[in-house]
Amino acid sequence: MTATASREIELAKCLVEELGGQSAASRKIGLRQPSVWRWTVSGIPPLRETDLRFRFPRLECWKRFPPLTQAKA
């Protein structure tokens, strides 16, 4: 497992916990619960993370997991 994958999984767990569990998170985000569960196993996809940062900017987990920056060529 890479460091990025581990970060994505830990971020998912933190996000789900802060939103009140998998069922509550799925309702607030607008997804089915199995999709949210999948994040806790394989991590939040980068595009979804960006979307959630925009939709829920005041979550405490963003302080613990700042956005990743991409190197420019």
Protein backbone atom coordinates (compact mmCIF):
# COMPACT_ATOMS: atom_id res chain seq x y z
CA MET A 1 0.00 0.00 0.00
CA THR A 2 1.38 3.39 -0.95
CA ALA A 3 1.47 6.41 1.32
CA THR A 4 -1.16 8.12 -0.85
CA ALA A 5 -3.52 5.13 -0.62
CA SER A 6 -3.05 5.00 3.14
CA ARG A 7 -3.81 8.73 3.38
CA GLU A 8 -6.97 8.32 1.28
CA ILE A 9 -8.22 5.50 3.52
CA GLU A 10 -7.47 7.40 6.74
CA LEU A 11 -9.17 10.49 5.31
CA ALA A 12 -12.23 8.41 4.42
CA LYS A 13 -12.46 7.00 7.93
CA CYS A 14 -12.08 10.45 9.48
CA LEU A 15 -14.68 11.95 7.15
CA VAL A 16 -17.21 9.18 7.75
CA GLU A 17 -16.75 9.45 11.51
CA GLU A 18 -17.17 13.22 11.47
CA LEU A 19 -20.33 13.00 9.37
CA GLY A 20 -21.89 10.55 11.85
CA GLY A 21 -21.16 7.11 10.41
CA GLN A 22 -21.59 5.45 7.03
CA SER A 23 -25.37 5.76 6.80
CA ALA A 24 -25.44 9.41 7.87
CA ALA A 25 -22.52 10.24 5.56
CA SER A 26 -24.22 8.56 2.61
CA ARG A 27 -27.41 10.57 3.20
CA LYS A 28 -25.54 13.87 3.54
CA ILE A 29 -23.36 13.23 0.50
CA GLY A 30 -26.09 11.71 -1.65
CA LEU A 31 -24.58 8.28 -2.25
CA ARG A 32 -25.56 4.76 -1.28
CA GLN A 33 -24.03 3.38 1.90
CA PRO A 34 -21.98 0.66 0.11
CA SER A 35 -20.18 3.38 -1.84
CA VAL A 36 -19.20 5.13 1.38
CA TRP A 37 -18.11 1.79 2.88
CA ARG A 38 -15.88 1.22 -0.15
CA TRP A 39 -14.03 4.45 0.64
CA THR A 40 -13.08 3.09 4.07
CA VAL A 41 -11.50 0.09 2.36
CA SER A 42 -9.89 1.58 -0.76
CA GLY A 43 -9.86 5.33 -0.07
CA ILE A 44 -11.70 8.38 -1.38
CA PRO A 45 -11.02 9.07 -5.07
CA PRO A 46 -9.17 12.40 -5.57
CA LEU A 47 -11.99 13.97 -7.57
CA ARG A 48 -14.54 13.07 -4.87
CA GLU A 49 -12.23 14.49 -2.20
CA THR A 50 -12.12 17.82 -4.07
CA ASP A 51 -15.92 17.80 -4.39
CA LEU A 52 -16.37 17.12 -0.67
CA ARG A 53 -13.90 19.85 0.29
CA PHE A 54 -16.05 22.28 -1.69
CA ARG A 55 -19.38 21.02 -0.32
CA PHE A 56 -18.30 20.64 3.33
CA PRO A 57 -15.52 23.22 3.86
CA ARG A 58 -15.86 23.44 7.66
CA LEU A 59 -15.12 19.81 8.53
CA GLU A 60 -12.31 19.32 11.02
CA CYS A 61 -10.81 16.41 9.07
CA TRP A 62 -9.61 18.84 6.37
CA LYS A 63 -7.21 20.33 8.93
CA ARG A 64 -5.71 16.92 9.57
CA PHE A 65 -5.55 16.02 5.87
CA PRO A 66 -4.64 19.11 3.81
CA PRO A 67 -5.10 18.85 0.03
CA LEU A 68 -2.35 17.19 -1.93
CA THR A 69 -0.57 19.37 -4.44
CA GLN A 70 0.61 18.15 -7.80
CA ALA A 71 4.08 18.93 -9.11
CA LYS A 72 4.17 20.91 -12.33
CA ALA A 73 6.27 19.67 -15.21
